[in-house]
């Protein structure tokens, strides 16, 4: 379980972190529970994503499914 591991990292350090997590997943065949607000890191590293709003799940799916989910768009971008 990693709780906001990218907090305070610069863009290069985030890329390095993503590579390290990918390497650990491949080498050891482990699942990683990642709690993070950096959407580019989440989308780049995850097979499945659970999105929460105010402590409640609003959707789950692949990065592509989550990226296109109206509930996620509304939660992160708000309504017009």
N, C-alpha and C. Protein backbone atom coordinates (compact mmCIF):
# COMPACT_ATOMS: atom_id res chain seq x y z
N UNK A 1 0.84 -1.17 0.00
CA UNK A 1 0.00 0.00 0.00
C UNK A 1 0.89 1.24 0.00
N UNK A 2 0.62 2.13 -0.93
CA UNK A 2 1.37 3.37 -1.04
C UNK A 2 0.39 4.53 -0.91
N UNK A 3 0.59 5.36 0.09
CA UNK A 3 -0.31 6.48 0.35
C UNK A 3 0.34 7.77 -0.13
N UNK A 4 -0.11 8.25 -1.27
CA UNK A 4 0.38 9.47 -1.91
C UNK A 4 1.91 9.50 -2.04
N UNK A 5 2.48 8.48 -2.67
CA UNK A 5 3.94 8.43 -2.78
C UNK A 5 4.53 9.53 -3.65
N UNK A 6 3.72 10.15 -4.51
CA UNK A 6 4.25 11.19 -5.40
C UNK A 6 4.17 12.59 -4.80
N UNK A 7 3.63 12.71 -3.61
CA UNK A 7 3.50 14.03 -2.98
C UNK A 7 4.88 14.68 -2.85
N UNK A 8 5.00 15.88 -3.37
CA UNK A 8 6.24 16.63 -3.25
C UNK A 8 7.32 16.27 -4.26
N UNK A 9 7.03 15.34 -5.17
CA UNK A 9 8.04 14.95 -6.15
C UNK A 9 7.94 15.82 -7.40
N UNK A 10 9.08 16.06 -8.03
CA UNK A 10 9.08 16.79 -9.29
C UNK A 10 8.73 15.82 -10.42
N UNK A 11 8.47 16.32 -11.64
CA UNK A 11 8.04 15.43 -12.73
C UNK A 11 9.00 14.27 -13.01
N UNK A 12 10.30 14.51 -12.98
CA UNK A 12 11.25 13.41 -13.23
C UNK A 12 11.19 12.38 -12.11
N UNK A 13 11.08 12.83 -10.89
CA UNK A 13 10.98 11.89 -9.76
C UNK A 13 9.70 11.08 -9.85
N UNK A 14 8.62 11.67 -10.34
CA UNK A 14 7.36 10.92 -10.52
C UNK A 14 7.53 9.84 -11.58
N UNK A 15 8.22 10.17 -12.67
CA UNK A 15 8.47 9.15 -13.71
C UNK A 15 9.33 8.02 -13.16
N UNK A 16 10.33 8.38 -12.36
CA UNK A 16 11.18 7.36 -11.74
C UNK A 16 10.38 6.48 -10.79
N UNK A 17 9.48 7.10 -10.02
CA UNK A 17 8.62 6.35 -9.10
C UNK A 17 7.74 5.38 -9.88
N UNK A 18 7.15 5.85 -10.97
CA UNK A 18 6.30 5.00 -11.79
C UNK A 18 7.09 3.81 -12.32
N UNK A 19 8.30 4.05 -12.79
CA UNK A 19 9.14 2.96 -13.29
C UNK A 19 9.47 1.96 -12.19
N UNK A 20 9.77 2.46 -11.01
CA UNK A 20 10.09 1.58 -9.88
C UNK A 20 8.90 0.71 -9.50
N UNK A 21 7.72 1.31 -9.42
CA UNK A 21 6.52 0.54 -9.07
C UNK A 21 6.24 -0.51 -10.14
N UNK A 22 6.35 -0.14 -11.42
CA UNK A 22 6.16 -1.10 -12.51
C UNK A 22 7.15 -2.26 -12.40
N UNK A 23 8.41 -1.94 -12.12
CA UNK A 23 9.44 -2.96 -11.98
C UNK A 23 9.13 -3.91 -10.83
N UNK A 24 8.73 -3.37 -9.69
CA UNK A 24 8.40 -4.21 -8.53
C UNK A 24 7.21 -5.11 -8.83
N UNK A 25 6.21 -4.58 -9.51
CA UNK A 25 5.04 -5.39 -9.87
C UNK A 25 5.44 -6.55 -10.77
N UNK A 26 6.27 -6.27 -11.76
CA UNK A 26 6.71 -7.32 -12.70
C UNK A 26 7.59 -8.35 -12.01
N UNK A 27 8.59 -7.90 -11.28
CA UNK A 27 9.56 -8.82 -10.66
C UNK A 27 8.94 -9.71 -9.60
N UNK A 28 8.05 -9.15 -8.80
CA UNK A 28 7.51 -9.89 -7.66
C UNK A 28 6.07 -10.33 -7.85
N UNK A 29 5.43 -9.90 -8.92
CA UNK A 29 4.05 -10.29 -9.19
C UNK A 29 3.08 -9.87 -8.11
N UNK A 30 3.30 -8.69 -7.56
CA UNK A 30 2.45 -8.22 -6.47
C UNK A 30 1.46 -7.16 -6.95
N UNK A 31 0.36 -7.08 -6.23
CA UNK A 31 -0.60 -6.00 -6.46
C UNK A 31 -0.18 -4.81 -5.61
N UNK A 32 -0.46 -3.62 -6.10
CA UNK A 32 -0.12 -2.40 -5.37
C UNK A 32 -1.40 -1.60 -5.16
N UNK A 33 -1.69 -1.29 -3.91
CA UNK A 33 -2.80 -0.40 -3.59
C UNK A 33 -2.20 1.00 -3.52
N UNK A 34 -2.63 1.85 -4.43
CA UNK A 34 -2.07 3.19 -4.56
C UNK A 34 -3.14 4.23 -4.24
N UNK A 35 -2.89 5.03 -3.24
CA UNK A 35 -3.78 6.13 -2.89
C UNK A 35 -3.08 7.39 -3.37
N UNK A 36 -3.67 8.08 -4.34
CA UNK A 36 -2.94 9.16 -5.00
C UNK A 36 -3.91 10.16 -5.64
N UNK A 37 -3.49 11.42 -5.71
CA UNK A 37 -4.27 12.46 -6.37
C UNK A 37 -3.69 12.84 -7.73
N UNK A 38 -2.50 12.38 -8.04
CA UNK A 38 -1.86 12.70 -9.31
C UNK A 38 -2.45 11.79 -10.39
N UNK A 39 -3.37 12.35 -11.18
CA UNK A 39 -4.11 11.55 -12.15
C UNK A 39 -3.20 10.96 -13.24
N UNK A 40 -2.17 11.68 -13.65
CA UNK A 40 -1.29 11.13 -14.69
C UNK A 40 -0.54 9.90 -14.17
N UNK A 41 -0.12 9.94 -12.92
CA UNK A 41 0.53 8.78 -12.31
C UNK A 41 -0.46 7.62 -12.21
N UNK A 42 -1.64 7.90 -11.73
CA UNK A 42 -2.67 6.86 -11.58
C UNK A 42 -2.98 6.20 -12.92
N UNK A 43 -3.24 7.03 -13.93
CA UNK A 43 -3.61 6.50 -15.24
C UNK A 43 -2.45 5.73 -15.89
N UNK A 44 -1.23 6.14 -15.59
CA UNK A 44 -0.08 5.49 -16.21
C UNK A 44 0.36 4.20 -15.55
N UNK A 45 -0.10 3.96 -14.34
CA UNK A 45 0.41 2.82 -13.59
C UNK A 45 -0.64 1.75 -13.28
N UNK A 46 -1.90 2.12 -13.38
CA UNK A 46 -2.98 1.25 -12.87
C UNK A 46 -3.59 0.34 -13.93
N UNK A 47 -3.94 -0.87 -13.50
CA UNK A 47 -4.74 -1.78 -14.32
C UNK A 47 -6.22 -1.53 -14.05
N UNK A 48 -6.52 -1.28 -12.77
CA UNK A 48 -7.90 -1.02 -12.32
C UNK A 48 -7.86 0.15 -11.35
N UNK A 49 -8.92 0.95 -11.38
CA UNK A 49 -8.99 2.15 -10.55
C UNK A 49 -10.33 2.20 -9.84
N UNK A 50 -10.31 2.58 -8.58
CA UNK A 50 -11.52 2.87 -7.81
C UNK A 50 -11.47 4.36 -7.49
N UNK A 51 -12.49 5.09 -7.91
CA UNK A 51 -12.55 6.53 -7.67
C UNK A 51 -13.53 6.79 -6.54
N UNK A 52 -13.09 7.62 -5.59
CA UNK A 52 -13.95 7.96 -4.46
C UNK A 52 -14.18 9.46 -4.43
N UNK A 53 -15.34 9.85 -3.94
CA UNK A 53 -15.67 11.25 -3.72
C UNK A 53 -16.29 11.37 -2.34
N UNK A 54 -15.70 12.19 -1.51
CA UNK A 54 -16.16 12.37 -0.13
C UNK A 54 -16.26 11.04 0.61
N UNK A 55 -15.27 10.16 0.38
CA UNK A 55 -15.20 8.89 1.09
C UNK A 55 -16.10 7.80 0.57
N UNK A 56 -16.78 8.05 -0.55
CA UNK A 56 -17.68 7.04 -1.11
C UNK A 56 -17.26 6.69 -2.53
N UNK A 57 -17.28 5.40 -2.87
CA UNK A 57 -16.92 5.00 -4.24
C UNK A 57 -17.94 5.55 -5.24
N UNK A 58 -17.43 6.07 -6.36
CA UNK A 58 -18.34 6.52 -7.41
C UNK A 58 -18.21 5.69 -8.69
N UNK A 59 -17.06 5.05 -8.89
CA UNK A 59 -16.91 4.16 -10.04
C UNK A 59 -15.64 3.33 -9.89
N UNK A 60 -15.56 2.28 -10.67
CA UNK A 60 -14.36 1.45 -10.74
C UNK A 60 -14.23 0.95 -12.17
N UNK A 61 -13.01 0.72 -12.61
CA UNK A 61 -12.80 0.22 -13.96
C UNK A 61 -11.37 0.39 -14.41
N UNK A 62 -11.16 0.18 -15.69
CA UNK A 62 -9.84 0.39 -16.28
C UNK A 62 -9.57 1.89 -16.35
N UNK A 63 -8.32 2.28 -16.56
CA UNK A 63 -8.05 3.71 -16.70
C UNK A 63 -8.92 4.38 -17.78
N UNK A 64 -9.09 3.72 -18.91
CA UNK A 64 -9.90 4.29 -19.99
C UNK A 64 -11.36 4.45 -19.57
N UNK A 65 -11.91 3.44 -18.90
CA UNK A 65 -13.30 3.53 -18.43
C UNK A 65 -13.47 4.67 -17.43
N UNK A 66 -12.53 4.77 -16.51
CA UNK A 66 -12.61 5.81 -15.48
C UNK A 66 -12.45 7.20 -16.11
N UNK A 67 -11.52 7.33 -17.03
CA UNK A 67 -11.26 8.62 -17.69
C UNK A 67 -12.51 9.15 -18.38
N UNK A 68 -13.34 8.25 -18.90
CA UNK A 68 -14.53 8.65 -19.66
C UNK A 68 -15.82 8.60 -18.86
N UNK A 69 -15.75 8.30 -17.58
CA UNK A 69 -16.94 8.18 -16.75
C UNK A 69 -17.45 9.57 -16.37
N UNK A 70 -18.71 9.84 -16.69
CA UNK A 70 -19.31 11.15 -16.41
C UNK A 70 -19.25 11.52 -14.93
N UNK A 71 -19.37 10.53 -14.05
CA UNK A 71 -19.33 10.81 -12.61
C UNK A 71 -17.95 11.30 -12.18
N UNK A 72 -16.92 10.73 -12.79
CA UNK A 72 -15.55 11.15 -12.47
C UNK A 72 -15.31 12.56 -13.02
N UNK A 73 -15.72 12.80 -14.23
CA UNK A 73 -15.56 14.12 -14.83
C UNK A 73 -16.27 15.17 -13.98
N UNK A 74 -17.48 14.88 -13.56
CA UNK A 74 -18.23 15.81 -12.72
C UNK A 74 -17.53 16.03 -11.37
N UNK A 75 -17.03 14.96 -10.77
CA UNK A 75 -16.38 15.07 -9.46
C UNK A 75 -15.10 15.89 -9.52
N UNK A 76 -14.33 15.74 -10.60
CA UNK A 76 -13.04 16.41 -10.69
C UNK A 76 -13.10 17.77 -11.37
N UNK A 77 -14.03 17.93 -12.30
CA UNK A 77 -14.10 19.19 -13.04
C UNK A 77 -15.31 20.03 -12.66
N UNK A 78 -16.25 19.42 -11.96
CA UNK A 78 -17.47 20.14 -11.58
C UNK A 78 -18.44 20.20 -12.75
N UNK A 79 -19.57 20.78 -12.47
CA UNK A 79 -20.57 20.96 -13.52
C UNK A 79 -20.33 22.31 -14.16
N UNK A 80 -20.82 22.46 -15.35
CA UNK A 80 -20.63 23.70 -16.09
C UNK A 80 -20.95 24.86 -15.20
